[in-house]
C-alpha atoms as a PDB file:
ATOM      1  CA  UNK A   1       0.154   0.158   0.065  1.00  0.00           C
ATOM      2  CA  UNK A   2       1.352   3.381  -0.782  1.00  0.00           C
ATOM      3  CA  UNK A   3       2.315   5.841   1.920  1.00  0.00           C
ATOM      4  CA  UNK A   4       0.765   9.372   1.964  1.00  0.00           C
ATOM      5  CA  UNK A   5       2.862  12.234   2.596  1.00  0.00           C
ATOM      6  CA  UNK A   6       1.235  15.495   3.654  1.00  0.00           C
ATOM      7  CA  UNK A   7       3.196  18.771   3.996  1.00  0.00           C
ATOM      8  CA  UNK A   8       1.919  21.878   5.933  1.00  0.00           C
ATOM      9  CA  UNK A   9       3.439  25.297   5.730  1.00  0.00           C
ATOM     10  CA  UNK A  10       3.458  27.505   8.974  1.00  0.00           C
ATOM     11  CA  UNK A  11       3.445  31.375   8.808  1.00  0.00           C
ATOM     12  CA  UNK A  12       4.014  32.994  12.006  1.00  0.00           C
ATOM     13  CA  UNK A  13       2.250  36.179  12.736  1.00  0.00           C
ATOM     14  CA  UNK A  14       4.426  39.206  12.776  1.00  0.00           C
ATOM     15  CA  UNK A  15       5.926  39.754  16.047  1.00  0.00           C
ATOM     16  CA  UNK A  16       5.527  36.249  17.209  1.00  0.00           C
ATOM     17  CA  UNK A  17       8.254  34.419  18.986  1.00  0.00           C
ATOM     18  CA  UNK A  18       9.882  31.474  16.953  1.00  0.00           C
ATOM     19  CA  UNK A  19      11.381  30.037  20.180  1.00  0.00           C
ATOM     20  CA  UNK A  20       7.991  29.892  21.836  1.00  0.00           C
ATOM     21  CA  UNK A  21       6.458  28.198  18.493  1.00  0.00           C
ATOM     22  CA  UNK A  22       9.358  25.754  18.585  1.00  0.00           C
ATOM     23  CA  UNK A  23       8.803  24.949  22.399  1.00  0.00           C
ATOM     24  CA  UNK A  24       5.184  24.471  21.792  1.00  0.00           C
ATOM     25  CA  UNK A  25       5.878  21.778  18.921  1.00  0.00           C
ATOM     26  CA  UNK A  26       8.343  20.201  21.401  1.00  0.00           C
ATOM     27  CA  UNK A  27       5.662  20.258  24.408  1.00  0.00           C
ATOM     28  CA  UNK A  28       3.152  18.851  21.989  1.00  0.00           C
ATOM     29  CA  UNK A  29       5.234  15.902  21.006  1.00  0.00           C
ATOM     30  CA  UNK A  30       6.219  15.025  24.481  1.00  0.00           C
ATOM     31  CA  UNK A  31       2.472  14.983  25.514  1.00  0.00           C
ATOM     32  CA  UNK A  32       1.903  12.539  22.691  1.00  0.00           C
ATOM     33  CA  UNK A  33      -0.341  14.639  20.543  1.00  0.00           C
ATOM     34  CA  UNK A  34       1.176  13.452  17.305  1.00  0.00           C
ATOM     35  CA  UNK A  35       0.787   9.757  18.229  1.00  0.00           C
ATOM     36  CA  UNK A  36      -2.076   9.227  15.571  1.00  0.00           C
ATOM     37  CA  UNK A  37      -3.243   5.928  14.413  1.00  0.00           C
ATOM     38  CA  UNK A  38      -1.659   5.452  10.880  1.00  0.00           C
ATOM     39  CA  UNK A  39       0.949   8.311  11.236  1.00  0.00           C
ATOM     40  CA  UNK A  40       4.362   6.564  10.900  1.00  0.00           C
ATOM     41  CA  UNK A  41       6.477   9.628  10.942  1.00  0.00           C
ATOM     42  CA  UNK A  42       6.530  13.434  11.380  1.00  0.00           C
ATOM     43  CA  UNK A  43       9.044  16.114  10.825  1.00  0.00           C
ATOM     44  CA  UNK A  44       9.244  19.722  11.637  1.00  0.00           C
ATOM     45  CA  UNK A  45      11.574  21.689   9.661  1.00  0.00           C
ATOM     46  CA  UNK A  46      12.595  25.419   9.298  1.00  0.00           C
ATOM     47  CA  UNK A  47      13.842  26.710   5.813  1.00  0.00           C
ATOM     48  CA  UNK A  48      17.372  27.907   5.665  1.00  0.00           C
ATOM     49  CA  UNK A  49      17.320  29.636   2.274  1.00  0.00           C
ATOM     50  CA  UNK A  50      15.008  30.632  -0.540  1.00  0.00           C
ATOM     51  CA  UNK A  51      11.455  31.670  -0.404  1.00  0.00           C
ATOM     52  CA  UNK A  52      10.670  29.889   2.925  1.00  0.00           C
ATOM     53  CA  UNK A  53      14.018  31.088   4.614  1.00  0.00           C
ATOM     54  CA  UNK A  54      13.255  30.820   8.384  1.00  0.00           C
ATOM     55  CA  UNK A  55       9.744  29.636   7.878  1.00  0.00           C
ATOM     56  CA  UNK A  56       8.430  26.223   9.420  1.00  0.00           C
ATOM     57  CA  UNK A  57       6.689  23.472   7.615  1.00  0.00           C
ATOM     58  CA  UNK A  58       5.799  19.693   8.860  1.00  0.00           C
ATOM     59  CA  UNK A  59       6.086  16.653   6.830  1.00  0.00           C
ATOM     60  CA  UNK A  60       3.598  14.071   7.943  1.00  0.00           C
ATOM     61  CA  UNK A  61       3.876  10.407   6.806  1.00  0.00           C
ATOM     62  CA  UNK A  62       1.009   8.289   6.861  1.00  0.00           C
ATOM     63  CA  UNK A  63       0.976   4.522   6.327  1.00  0.00           C
ATOM     64  CA  UNK A  64      -1.784   4.762   3.615  1.00  0.00           C
ATOM     65  CA  UNK A  65      -4.230   6.865   2.195  1.00  0.00           C
ATOM     66  CA  UNK A  66      -6.959   4.896   4.012  1.00  0.00           C
ATOM     67  CA  UNK A  67      -5.287   5.881   7.338  1.00  0.00           C
ATOM     68  CA  UNK A  68      -5.040   9.507   6.384  1.00  0.00           C
ATOM     69  CA  UNK A  69      -8.905   9.379   5.528  1.00  0.00           C
ATOM     70  CA  UNK A  70      -9.943   7.977   8.747  1.00  0.00           C
ATOM     71  CA  UNK A  71      -8.298  10.765  10.716  1.00  0.00           C
ATOM     72  CA  UNK A  72      -9.118  13.590   8.336  1.00  0.00           C
ATOM     73  CA  UNK A  73     -12.081  12.673   5.988  1.00  0.00           C
ATOM     74  CA  UNK A  74     -11.857  12.625   2.273  1.00  0.00           C
ATOM     75  CA  UNK A  75     -10.726  15.635   0.345  1.00  0.00           C
ATOM     76  CA  UNK A  76     -14.280  15.877  -0.809  1.00  0.00           C
ATOM     77  CA  UNK A  77     -15.792  15.551   2.703  1.00  0.00           C
ATOM     78  CA  UNK A  78     -13.210  16.713   5.227  1.00  0.00           C
ATOM     79  CA  UNK A  79     -13.802  15.677   8.661  1.00  0.00           C
ATOM     80  CA  UNK A  80     -14.655  18.624  11.111  1.00  0.00           C
ATOM     81  CA  UNK A  81     -12.141  19.786  13.516  1.00  0.00           C
ATOM     82  CA  UNK A  82     -12.222  18.545  17.139  1.00  0.00           C
ATOM     83  CA  UNK A  83     -13.719  20.952  19.505  1.00  0.00           C
ATOM     84  CA  UNK A  84     -10.241  20.957  21.304  1.00  0.00           C
ATOM     85  CA  UNK A  85      -8.805  22.915  18.525  1.00  0.00           C
ATOM     86  CA  UNK A  86     -11.748  25.576  17.960  1.00  0.00           C
END
């Protein structure tokens, strides 16, 4: 079965603290918030040059499209966000 790779780019608001953002990611990881069924790897990265220099992104690797859709719904019918994140 083919893996699914999802890339998310994050643009911090002007004046926000990059160190706080990075710490929030480490804290979430330590709390197990990225231990999702079907997610086999995740990477948080920061651009070093080019148009996304100093910008953040996440690379999420899922075991299959089916695993991704169980979490997030289909592209045609996305699952509503959890009330915890509203």
